[in-house]
Amino acid sequence: EATEGVAEAMHWLREDVDGVIYVLDSTQDPFTQVNTMLIGIIESQDLP
């Protein structure tokens, strides 16, 4: 179900949101593949 949820989240990002609140755990290292990828997609979609 979690894997399906990831796919759904990506669909929303590419098709159905007007802006993004990106939440990070400030106790964890933010330099991850997922964070870099998602921020890149958000920027490519020109979303605030």
All heavy atoms as atom14 arrays in JSON, in Angstrom:
{
  "sequence": "EATEGVAEAMHWLREDVDGVIYVLDSTQDPFTQVNTMLIGIIESQDLP",
  "atom14_mask": [
    [1, 1, 1, 1, 1, 1, 1, 1, 1, 0, 0, 0, 0, 0],
    [1, 1, 1, 1, 1, 0, 0, 0, 0, 0, 0, 0, 0, 0],
    [1, 1, 1, 1, 1, 1, 1, 0, 0, 0, 0, 0, 0, 0],
    [1, 1, 1, 1, 1, 1, 1, 1, 1, 0, 0, 0, 0, 0],
    [1, 1, 1, 1, 0, 0, 0, 0, 0, 0, 0, 0, 0, 0],
    [1, 1, 1, 1, 1, 1, 1, 0, 0, 0, 0, 0, 0, 0],
    [1, 1, 1, 1, 1, 0, 0, 0, 0, 0, 0, 0, 0, 0],
    [1, 1, 1, 1, 1, 1, 1, 1, 1, 0, 0, 0, 0, 0],
    [1, 1, 1, 1, 1, 0, 0, 0, 0, 0, 0, 0, 0, 0],
    [1, 1, 1, 1, 1, 1, 1, 1, 0, 0, 0, 0, 0, 0],
    [1, 1, 1, 1, 1, 1, 1, 1, 1, 1, 0, 0, 0, 0],
    [1, 1, 1, 1, 1, 1, 1, 1, 1, 1, 1, 1, 1, 1],
    [1, 1, 1, 1, 1, 1, 1, 1, 0, 0, 0, 0, 0, 0],
    [1, 1, 1, 1, 1, 1, 1, 1, 1, 1, 1, 0, 0, 0],
    [1, 1, 1, 1, 1, 1, 1, 1, 1, 0, 0, 0, 0, 0],
    [1, 1, 1, 1, 1, 1, 1, 1, 0, 0, 0, 0, 0, 0],
    [1, 1, 1, 1, 1, 1, 1, 0, 0, 0, 0, 0, 0, 0],
    [1, 1, 1, 1, 1, 1, 1, 1, 0, 0, 0, 0, 0, 0],
    [1, 1, 1, 1, 0, 0, 0, 0, 0, 0, 0, 0, 0, 0],
    [1, 1, 1, 1, 1, 1, 1, 0, 0, 0, 0, 0, 0, 0],
    [1, 1, 1, 1, 1, 1, 1, 1, 0, 0, 0, 0, 0, 0],
    [1, 1, 1, 1, 1, 1, 1, 1, 1, 1, 1, 1, 0, 0],
    [1, 1, 1, 1, 1, 1, 1, 0, 0, 0, 0, 0, 0, 0],
    [1, 1, 1, 1, 1, 1, 1, 1, 0, 0, 0, 0, 0, 0],
    [1, 1, 1, 1, 1, 1, 1, 1, 0, 0, 0, 0, 0, 0],
    [1, 1, 1, 1, 1, 1, 0, 0, 0, 0, 0, 0, 0, 0],
    [1, 1, 1, 1, 1, 1, 1, 0, 0, 0, 0, 0, 0, 0],
    [1, 1, 1, 1, 1, 1, 1, 1, 1, 0, 0, 0, 0, 0],
    [1, 1, 1, 1, 1, 1, 1, 1, 0, 0, 0, 0, 0, 0],
    [1, 1, 1, 1, 1, 1, 1, 0, 0, 0, 0, 0, 0, 0],
    [1, 1, 1, 1, 1, 1, 1, 1, 1, 1, 1, 0, 0, 0],
    [1, 1, 1, 1, 1, 1, 1, 0, 0, 0, 0, 0, 0, 0],
    [1, 1, 1, 1, 1, 1, 1, 1, 1, 0, 0, 0, 0, 0],
    [1, 1, 1, 1, 1, 1, 1, 0, 0, 0, 0, 0, 0, 0],
    [1, 1, 1, 1, 1, 1, 1, 1, 0, 0, 0, 0, 0, 0],
    [1, 1, 1, 1, 1, 1, 1, 0, 0, 0, 0, 0, 0, 0],
    [1, 1, 1, 1, 1, 1, 1, 1, 0, 0, 0, 0, 0, 0],
    [1, 1, 1, 1, 1, 1, 1, 1, 0, 0, 0, 0, 0, 0],
    [1, 1, 1, 1, 1, 1, 1, 1, 0, 0, 0, 0, 0, 0],
    [1, 1, 1, 1, 0, 0, 0, 0, 0, 0, 0, 0, 0, 0],
    [1, 1, 1, 1, 1, 1, 1, 1, 0, 0, 0, 0, 0, 0],
    [1, 1, 1, 1, 1, 1, 1, 1, 0, 0, 0, 0, 0, 0],
    [1, 1, 1, 1, 1, 1, 1, 1, 1, 0, 0, 0, 0, 0],
    [1, 1, 1, 1, 1, 1, 0, 0, 0, 0, 0, 0, 0, 0],
    [1, 1, 1, 1, 1, 1, 1, 1, 1, 0, 0, 0, 0, 0],
    [1, 1, 1, 1, 1, 1, 1, 1, 0, 0, 0, 0, 0, 0],
    [1, 1, 1, 1, 1, 1, 1, 1, 0, 0, 0, 0, 0, 0],
    [1, 1, 1, 1, 1, 1, 1, 0, 0, 0, 0, 0, 0, 0]
  ],
  "atom14_positions": [
    [[0.83, -1.2, 0.0], [0.0, 0.0, 0.0], [0.87, 1.26, 0.0], [0.52, 2.26, -0.65], [-0.93, 0.0, 1.21], [-2.0, -1.08, 1.16], [-2.8, -1.16, 2.46], [-2.43, -0.49, 3.44], [-3.8, -1.91, 2.49], [0.0, 0.0, 0.0], [0.0, 0.0, 0.0], [0.0, 0.0, 0.0], [0.0, 0.0, 0.0], [0.0, 0.0, 0.0]],
    [[1.98, 1.2, 0.72], [2.89, 2.36, 0.77], [3.5, 2.63, -0.6], [3.65, 3.8, -1.0], [3.98, 2.12, 1.81], [0.0, 0.0, 0.0], [0.0, 0.0, 0.0], [0.0, 0.0, 0.0], [0.0, 0.0, 0.0], [0.0, 0.0, 0.0], [0.0, 0.0, 0.0], [0.0, 0.0, 0.0], [0.0, 0.0, 0.0], [0.0, 0.0, 0.0]],
    [[3.85, 1.58, -1.32], [4.41, 1.73, -2.67], [3.39, 2.37, -3.6], [3.72, 3.25, -4.4], [4.86, 0.36, -3.22], [5.84, -0.2, -2.34], [5.46, 0.51, -4.61], [0.0, 0.0, 0.0], [0.0, 0.0, 0.0], [0.0, 0.0, 0.0], [0.0, 0.0, 0.0], [0.0, 0.0, 0.0], [0.0, 0.0, 0.0], [0.0, 0.0, 0.0]],
    [[2.14, 1.91, -3.5], [1.07, 2.51, -4.3], [0.87, 3.97, -3.91], [0.58, 4.83, -4.76], [-0.23, 1.72, -4.1], [-0.18, 0.31, -4.66], [-1.37, -0.55, -4.23], [-2.18, -0.05, -3.4], [-1.5, -1.68, -4.71], [0.0, 0.0, 0.0], [0.0, 0.0, 0.0], [0.0, 0.0, 0.0], [0.0, 0.0, 0.0], [0.0, 0.0, 0.0]],
    [[1.03, 4.27, -2.62], [0.88, 5.64, -2.14], [1.94, 6.57, -2.71], [1.66, 7.74, -3.01], [0.0, 0.0, 0.0], [0.0, 0.0, 0.0], [0.0, 0.0, 0.0], [0.0, 0.0, 0.0], [0.0, 0.0, 0.0], [0.0, 0.0, 0.0], [0.0, 0.0, 0.0], [0.0, 0.0, 0.0], [0.0, 0.0, 0.0], [0.0, 0.0, 0.0]],
    [[3.17, 6.06, -2.85], [4.23, 6.87, -3.45], [3.85, 7.25, -4.88], [4.02, 8.41, -5.3], [5.57, 6.11, -3.44], [6.62, 6.85, -4.27], [6.08, 5.92, -2.01], [0.0, 0.0, 0.0], [0.0, 0.0, 0.0], [0.0, 0.0, 0.0], [0.0, 0.0, 0.0], [0.0, 0.0, 0.0], [0.0, 0.0, 0.0], [0.0, 0.0, 0.0]],
    [[3.33, 6.28, -5.63], [2.91, 6.56, -7.01], [1.79, 7.6, -7.04], [1.78, 8.49, -7.9], [2.45, 5.26, -7.68], [0.0, 0.0, 0.0], [0.0, 0.0, 0.0], [0.0, 0.0, 0.0], [0.0, 0.0, 0.0], [0.0, 0.0, 0.0], [0.0, 0.0, 0.0], [0.0, 0.0, 0.0], [0.0, 0.0, 0.0], [0.0, 0.0, 0.0]],
    [[0.87, 7.51, -6.09], [-0.22, 8.48, -6.04], [0.3, 9.88, -5.72], [-0.12, 10.88, -6.31], [-1.25, 8.06, -4.98], [-2.44, 9.02, -4.91], [-3.42, 8.67, -3.81], [-3.07, 7.87, -2.93], [-4.53, 9.23, -3.83], [0.0, 0.0, 0.0], [0.0, 0.0, 0.0], [0.0, 0.0, 0.0], [0.0, 0.0, 0.0], [0.0, 0.0, 0.0]],
    [[1.25, 9.95, -4.78], [1.83, 11.24, -4.41], [2.5, 11.9, -5.63], [2.38, 13.11, -5.84], [2.85, 11.06, -3.29], [0.0, 0.0, 0.0], [0.0, 0.0, 0.0], [0.0, 0.0, 0.0], [0.0, 0.0, 0.0], [0.0, 0.0, 0.0], [0.0, 0.0, 0.0], [0.0, 0.0, 0.0], [0.0, 0.0, 0.0], [0.0, 0.0, 0.0]],
    [[3.21, 11.1, -6.41], [3.88, 11.63, -7.59], [2.87, 12.1, -8.62], [3.09, 13.11, -9.32], [4.81, 10.57, -8.18], [5.94, 10.14, -7.25], [6.9, 11.53, -6.62], [7.65, 12.1, -8.15], [0.0, 0.0, 0.0], [0.0, 0.0, 0.0], [0.0, 0.0, 0.0], [0.0, 0.0, 0.0], [0.0, 0.0, 0.0], [0.0, 0.0, 0.0]],
    [[1.75, 11.4, -8.74], [0.7, 11.83, -9.68], [0.15, 13.2, -9.26], [0.0, 14.1, -10.09], [-0.42, 10.81, -9.71], [-1.62, 11.29, -10.5], [-1.66, 11.26, -11.88], [-2.81, 11.83, -10.1], [-2.81, 11.78, -12.3], [-3.53, 12.12, -11.24], [0.0, 0.0, 0.0], [0.0, 0.0, 0.0], [0.0, 0.0, 0.0], [0.0, 0.0, 0.0]],
    [[-0.14, 13.35, -7.97], [-0.64, 14.64, -7.48], [0.36, 15.75, -7.8], [-0.02, 16.85, -8.22], [-0.87, 14.57, -5.97], [-2.23, 14.06, -5.59], [-2.58, 12.77, -5.32], [-3.42, 14.84, -5.42], [-3.91, 12.7, -4.99], [-4.45, 13.94, -5.04], [-3.71, 16.19, -5.53], [-5.76, 14.38, -4.78], [-5.01, 16.63, -5.28], [-6.02, 15.73, -4.92]],
    [[1.63, 15.47, -7.61], [2.65, 16.49, -7.81], [2.72, 16.93, -9.26], [2.88, 18.12, -9.56], [4.02, 15.95, -7.36], [5.19, 16.92, -7.44], [4.93, 18.17, -6.62], [6.48, 16.24, -6.99], [0.0, 0.0, 0.0], [0.0, 0.0, 0.0], [0.0, 0.0, 0.0], [0.0, 0.0, 0.0], [0.0, 0.0, 0.0], [0.0, 0.0, 0.0]],
    [[2.57, 16.0, -10.17], [2.71, 16.32, -11.59], [1.42, 16.87, -12.2], [1.48, 17.53, -13.24], [3.15, 15.07, -12.36], [4.59, 14.63, -12.05], [5.07, 13.58, -13.04], [6.49, 13.32, -12.9], [7.0, 12.3, -12.22], [6.2, 11.44, -11.61], [8.31, 12.13, -12.15], [0.0, 0.0, 0.0], [0.0, 0.0, 0.0], [0.0, 0.0, 0.0]],
    [[0.28, 16.6, -11.57], [-0.98, 16.93, -12.22], [-1.92, 17.84, -11.43], [-2.68, 18.59, -12.03], [-1.76, 15.63, -12.55], [-1.0, 14.61, -13.38], [-0.77, 15.07, -14.8], [-1.51, 15.95, -15.27], [0.16, 14.55, -15.45], [0.0, 0.0, 0.0], [0.0, 0.0, 0.0], [0.0, 0.0, 0.0], [0.0, 0.0, 0.0], [0.0, 0.0, 0.0]],
    [[-1.9, 17.77, -10.1], [-3.05, 18.29, -9.37], [-2.76, 19.24, -8.21], [-3.66, 19.5, -7.41], [-3.87, 17.11, -8.82], [-4.56, 16.33, -9.92], [-5.15, 16.96, -10.81], [-4.49, 15.1, -9.9], [0.0, 0.0, 0.0], [0.0, 0.0, 0.0], [0.0, 0.0, 0.0], [0.0, 0.0, 0.0], [0.0, 0.0, 0.0], [0.0, 0.0, 0.0]],
    [[-1.56, 19.78, -8.07], [-1.33, 20.73, -6.98], [-0.89, 22.07, -7.55], [-0.29, 22.15, -8.62], [-0.3, 20.22, -5.95], [-0.82, 18.98, -5.24], [1.06, 19.97, -6.59], [0.0, 0.0, 0.0], [0.0, 0.0, 0.0], [0.0, 0.0, 0.0], [0.0, 0.0, 0.0], [0.0, 0.0, 0.0], [0.0, 0.0, 0.0], [0.0, 0.0, 0.0]],
    [[-1.23, 23.14, -6.8], [-0.89, 24.49, -7.22], [0.31, 25.05, -6.45], [0.82, 26.12, -6.79], [-2.09, 25.42, -6.98], [-3.33, 24.95, -7.72], [-3.24, 24.76, -8.95], [-4.38, 24.77, -7.08], [0.0, 0.0, 0.0], [0.0, 0.0, 0.0], [0.0, 0.0, 0.0], [0.0, 0.0, 0.0], [0.0, 0.0, 0.0], [0.0, 0.0, 0.0]],
    [[0.74, 24.33, -5.43], [1.87, 24.75, -4.63], [2.26, 23.63, -3.69], [1.5, 22.66, -3.52], [0.0, 0.0, 0.0], [0.0, 0.0, 0.0], [0.0, 0.0, 0.0], [0.0, 0.0, 0.0], [0.0, 0.0, 0.0], [0.0, 0.0, 0.0], [0.0, 0.0, 0.0], [0.0, 0.0, 0.0], [0.0, 0.0, 0.0], [0.0, 0.0, 0.0]],
    [[3.44, 23.74, -3.08], [3.96, 22.65, -2.26], [4.5, 23.17, -0.94], [5.23, 24.17, -0.9], [5.09, 21.88, -3.0], [5.75, 20.87, -2.07], [4.53, 21.19, -4.23], [0.0, 0.0, 0.0], [0.0, 0.0, 0.0], [0.0, 0.0, 0.0], [0.0, 0.0, 0.0], [0.0, 0.0, 0.0], [0.0, 0.0, 0.0], [0.0, 0.0, 0.0]],
    [[4.12, 22.5, 0.14], [4.78, 22.63, 1.44], [5.66, 21.39, 1.58], [5.15, 20.27, 1.6], [3.76, 22.72, 2.58], [3.01, 24.04, 2.54], [4.45, 22.54, 3.94], [1.84, 24.12, 3.5], [0.0, 0.0, 0.0], [0.0, 0.0, 0.0], [0.0, 0.0, 0.0], [0.0, 0.0, 0.0], [0.0, 0.0, 0.0], [0.0, 0.0, 0.0]],
    [[6.97, 21.61, 1.65], [7.89, 20.48, 1.73], [8.4, 20.36, 3.16], [9.08, 21.26, 3.67], [9.06, 20.65, 0.76], [9.74, 19.35, 0.43], [9.22, 18.5, -0.53], [10.89, 18.95, 1.11], [9.83, 17.3, -0.82], [11.5, 17.74, 0.83], [10.96, 16.92, -0.14], [11.55, 15.72, -0.41], [0.0, 0.0, 0.0], [0.0, 0.0, 0.0]],
    [[8.07, 19.25, 3.81], [8.38, 19.06, 5.22], [9.59, 18.15, 5.38], [9.61, 17.03, 4.85], [7.17, 18.47, 5.99], [7.48, 18.34, 7.48], [5.93, 19.33, 5.77], [0.0, 0.0, 0.0], [0.0, 0.0, 0.0], [0.0, 0.0, 0.0], [0.0, 0.0, 0.0], [0.0, 0.0, 0.0], [0.0, 0.0, 0.0], [0.0, 0.0, 0.0]],
    [[10.57, 18.63, 6.13], [11.76, 17.83, 6.42], [11.97, 17.72, 7.92], [11.69, 18.66, 8.67], [12.99, 18.48, 5.78], [13.08, 18.38, 4.25], [14.15, 19.32, 3.73], [13.36, 16.96, 3.82], [0.0, 0.0, 0.0], [0.0, 0.0, 0.0], [0.0, 0.0, 0.0], [0.0, 0.0, 0.0], [0.0, 0.0, 0.0], [0.0, 0.0, 0.0]],
    [[12.43, 16.56, 8.35], [12.81, 16.34, 9.74], [14.16, 17.0, 9.97], [15.17, 16.59, 9.39], [12.88, 14.82, 9.99], [13.26, 14.48, 11.42], [13.76, 15.35, 12.15], [13.07, 13.3, 11.8], [0.0, 0.0, 0.0], [0.0, 0.0, 0.0], [0.0, 0.0, 0.0], [0.0, 0.0, 0.0], [0.0, 0.0, 0.0], [0.0, 0.0, 0.0]],
    [[14.2, 18.04, 10.8], [15.43, 18.81, 10.97], [16.5, 18.07, 11.77], [17.61, 18.58, 11.94], [15.13, 20.16, 11.63], [14.57, 19.98, 12.93], [0.0, 0.0, 0.0], [0.0, 0.0, 0.0], [0.0, 0.0, 0.0], [0.0, 0.0, 0.0], [0.0, 0.0, 0.0], [0.0, 0.0, 0.0], [0.0, 0.0, 0.0], [0.0, 0.0, 0.0]],
    [[16.18, 16.86, 12.24], [17.21, 16.05, 12.92], [17.9, 15.1, 11.95], [18.84, 14.41, 12.33], [16.59, 15.22, 14.07], [15.77, 14.17, 13.52], [15.76, 16.07, 15.0], [0.0, 0.0, 0.0], [0.0, 0.0, 0.0], [0.0, 0.0, 0.0], [0.0, 0.0, 0.0], [0.0, 0.0, 0.0], [0.0, 0.0, 0.0], [0.0, 0.0, 0.0]],
    [[17.43, 15.08, 10.69], [17.97, 14.16, 9.7], [18.72, 14.9, 8.61], [18.42, 16.06, 8.3], [16.83, 13.33, 9.07], [16.02, 12.52, 10.06], [16.84, 11.43, 10.73], [17.63, 10.75, 10.07], [16.66, 11.27, 12.04], [0.0, 0.0, 0.0], [0.0, 0.0, 0.0], [0.0, 0.0, 0.0], [0.0, 0.0, 0.0], [0.0, 0.0, 0.0]],
    [[19.66, 14.22, 7.98], [20.41, 14.78, 6.86], [19.47, 14.98, 5.66], [18.86, 14.03, 5.19], [21.54, 13.82, 6.48], [22.44, 14.37, 5.37], [22.15, 15.47, 4.85], [23.42, 13.69, 5.03], [0.0, 0.0, 0.0], [0.0, 0.0, 0.0], [0.0, 0.0, 0.0], [0.0, 0.0, 0.0], [0.0, 0.0, 0.0], [0.0, 0.0, 0.0]],
    [[19.34, 16.21, 5.16], [18.43, 16.46, 4.04], [19.01, 16.08, 2.68], [18.28, 16.02, 1.69], [18.19, 17.97, 4.12], [19.47, 18.49, 4.69], [19.96, 17.45, 5.66], [0.0, 0.0, 0.0], [0.0, 0.0, 0.0], [0.0, 0.0, 0.0], [0.0, 0.0, 0.0], [0.0, 0.0, 0.0], [0.0, 0.0, 0.0], [0.0, 0.0, 0.0]],
    [[20.32, 15.83, 2.62], [20.96, 15.5, 1.34], [20.68, 14.05, 0.97], [21.52, 13.16, 1.15], [22.47, 15.74, 1.41], [22.85, 17.19, 1.42], [23.28, 17.79, 2.59], [22.79, 17.95, 0.26], [23.64, 19.13, 2.61], [23.15, 19.3, 0.27], [23.57, 19.89, 1.44], [0.0, 0.0, 0.0], [0.0, 0.0, 0.0], [0.0, 0.0, 0.0]],
    [[19.48, 13.79, 0.46], [19.11, 12.45, 0.03], [18.63, 12.49, -1.42], [18.25, 13.55, -1.93], [17.98, 11.87, 0.9], [16.77, 12.62, 0.67], [18.34, 11.9, 2.38], [0.0, 0.0, 0.0], [0.0, 0.0, 0.0], [0.0, 0.0, 0.0], [0.0, 0.0, 0.0], [0.0, 0.0, 0.0], [0.0, 0.0, 0.0], [0.0, 0.0, 0.0]],
    [[18.63, 11.32, -2.04], [18.18, 11.22, -3.43], [16.73, 11.65, -3.56], [16.36, 12.36, -4.5], [18.35, 9.78, -3.91], [17.91, 9.57, -5.36], [18.05, 8.12, -5.79], [18.51, 7.27, -5.03], [17.64, 7.82, -7.0], [0.0, 0.0, 0.0], [0.0, 0.0, 0.0], [0.0, 0.0, 0.0], [0.0, 0.0, 0.0], [0.0, 0.0, 0.0]],
    [[15.9, 11.24, -2.6], [14.48, 11.55, -2.67], [14.25, 13.06, -2.59], [13.51, 13.64, -3.39], [13.7, 10.83, -1.55], [12.29, 11.41, -1.41], [13.61, 9.35, -1.83], [0.0, 0.0, 0.0], [0.0, 0.0, 0.0], [0.0, 0.0, 0.0], [0.0, 0.0, 0.0], [0.0, 0.0, 0.0], [0.0, 0.0, 0.0], [0.0, 0.0, 0.0]],
    [[14.88, 13.71, -1.62], [14.68, 15.15, -1.45], [15.17, 15.93, -2.67], [14.49, 16.84, -3.15], [15.39, 15.65, -0.19], [14.75, 15.13, 1.07], [13.56, 14.83, 1.12], [15.54, 15.01, 2.13], [0.0, 0.0, 0.0], [0.0, 0.0, 0.0], [0.0, 0.0, 0.0], [0.0, 0.0, 0.0], [0.0, 0.0, 0.0], [0.0, 0.0, 0.0]],
    [[16.33, 15.56, -3.17], [16.87, 16.24, -4.36], [15.96, 16.05, -5.56], [15.69, 16.99, -6.32], [18.28, 15.71, -4.68], [19.13, 15.91, -3.54], [18.87, 16.44, -5.88], [0.0, 0.0, 0.0], [0.0, 0.0, 0.0], [0.0, 0.0, 0.0], [0.0, 0.0, 0.0], [0.0, 0.0, 0.0], [0.0, 0.0, 0.0], [0.0, 0.0, 0.0]],
    [[15.46, 14.82, -5.73], [14.58, 14.51, -6.85], [13.27, 15.29, -6.76], [12.84, 15.93, -7.73], [14.27, 13.01, -6.88], [13.24, 12.62, -7.94], [12.66, 10.91, -7.75], [11.65, 11.06, -6.26], [0.0, 0.0, 0.0], [0.0, 0.0, 0.0], [0.0, 0.0, 0.0], [0.0, 0.0, 0.0], [0.0, 0.0, 0.0], [0.0, 0.0, 0.0]],
    [[12.64, 15.28, -5.57], [11.35, 15.94, -5.42], [11.47, 17.46, -5.58], [10.63, 18.08, -6.24], [10.73, 15.59, -4.07], [10.1, 14.21, -3.98], [9.57, 13.96, -2.57], [8.96, 14.06, -4.98], [0.0, 0.0, 0.0], [0.0, 0.0, 0.0], [0.0, 0.0, 0.0], [0.0, 0.0, 0.0], [0.0, 0.0, 0.0], [0.0, 0.0, 0.0]],
    [[12.48, 18.05, -4.97], [12.67, 19.49, -5.12], [12.9, 19.83, -6.59], [12.39, 20.84, -7.1], [13.84, 19.99, -4.25], [13.51, 19.85, -2.77], [14.17, 21.44, -4.58], [12.34, 20.69, -2.29], [0.0, 0.0, 0.0], [0.0, 0.0, 0.0], [0.0, 0.0, 0.0], [0.0, 0.0, 0.0], [0.0, 0.0, 0.0], [0.0, 0.0, 0.0]],
    [[13.65, 18.97, -7.29], [13.87, 19.19, -8.72], [12.59, 19.14, -9.52], [12.37, 19.96, -10.43], [0.0, 0.0, 0.0], [0.0, 0.0, 0.0], [0.0, 0.0, 0.0], [0.0, 0.0, 0.0], [0.0, 0.0, 0.0], [0.0, 0.0, 0.0], [0.0, 0.0, 0.0], [0.0, 0.0, 0.0], [0.0, 0.0, 0.0], [0.0, 0.0, 0.0]],
    [[11.72, 18.18, -9.22], [10.43, 18.07, -9.92], [9.56, 19.29, -9.63], [8.92, 19.85, -10.53], [9.71, 16.77, -9.51], [10.46, 15.55, -10.04], [8.26, 16.77, -10.04], [9.91, 14.22, -9.54], [0.0, 0.0, 0.0], [0.0, 0.0, 0.0], [0.0, 0.0, 0.0], [0.0, 0.0, 0.0], [0.0, 0.0, 0.0], [0.0, 0.0, 0.0]],
    [[9.54, 19.69, -8.37], [8.74, 20.86, -7.98], [9.21, 22.1, -8.75], [8.41, 22.87, -9.28], [8.84, 21.11, -6.46], [8.13, 19.98, -5.7], [8.26, 22.46, -6.07], [8.47, 19.92, -4.22], [0.0, 0.0, 0.0], [0.0, 0.0, 0.0], [0.0, 0.0, 0.0], [0.0, 0.0, 0.0], [0.0, 0.0, 0.0], [0.0, 0.0, 0.0]],
    [[10.53, 22.26, -8.86], [11.08, 23.41, -9.59], [10.77, 23.3, -11.08], [10.46, 24.32, -11.73], [12.59, 23.48, -9.36], [12.95, 23.88, -7.93], [14.45, 23.79, -7.65], [15.17, 23.14, -8.44], [14.88, 24.37, -6.64], [0.0, 0.0, 0.0], [0.0, 0.0, 0.0], [0.0, 0.0, 0.0], [0.0, 0.0, 0.0], [0.0, 0.0, 0.0]],
    [[10.83, 22.11, -11.64], [10.53, 21.94, -13.07], [9.07, 22.22, -13.37], [8.73, 22.62, -14.49], [10.91, 20.52, -13.52], [10.0, 19.57, -12.99], [0.0, 0.0, 0.0], [0.0, 0.0, 0.0], [0.0, 0.0, 0.0], [0.0, 0.0, 0.0], [0.0, 0.0, 0.0], [0.0, 0.0, 0.0], [0.0, 0.0, 0.0], [0.0, 0.0, 0.0]],
    [[8.2, 22.02, -12.37], [6.77, 22.31, -12.53], [6.48, 23.79, -12.27], [5.34, 24.23, -12.42], [5.95, 21.47, -11.55], [6.04, 19.97, -11.75], [5.25, 19.51, -12.96], [5.81, 19.35, -14.05], [3.96, 19.32, -12.8], [0.0, 0.0, 0.0], [0.0, 0.0, 0.0], [0.0, 0.0, 0.0], [0.0, 0.0, 0.0], [0.0, 0.0, 0.0]],
    [[7.51, 24.53, -11.88], [7.37, 25.96, -11.58], [6.31, 26.21, -10.52], [5.52, 27.15, -10.61], [7.04, 26.74, -12.86], [7.38, 28.23, -12.73], [8.26, 28.56, -11.93], [6.73, 29.04, -13.42], [0.0, 0.0, 0.0], [0.0, 0.0, 0.0], [0.0, 0.0, 0.0], [0.0, 0.0, 0.0], [0.0, 0.0, 0.0], [0.0, 0.0, 0.0]],
    [[6.32, 25.36, -9.48], [5.36, 25.49, -8.39], [5.97, 26.29, -7.24], [7.15, 26.1, -6.91], [4.97, 24.1, -7.86], [4.19, 23.2, -8.81], [4.09, 21.79, -8.24], [2.79, 23.76, -9.06], [0.0, 0.0, 0.0], [0.0, 0.0, 0.0], [0.0, 0.0, 0.0], [0.0, 0.0, 0.0], [0.0, 0.0, 0.0], [0.0, 0.0, 0.0]],
    [[5.19, 27.16, -6.63], [5.71, 27.83, -5.42], [5.9, 26.79, -4.32], [5.08, 25.89, -4.13], [4.6, 28.82, -5.06], [3.36, 28.29, -5.71], [3.83, 27.57, -6.95], [0.0, 0.0, 0.0], [0.0, 0.0, 0.0], [0.0, 0.0, 0.0], [0.0, 0.0, 0.0], [0.0, 0.0, 0.0], [0.0, 0.0, 0.0], [0.0, 0.0, 0.0]]
  ]
}
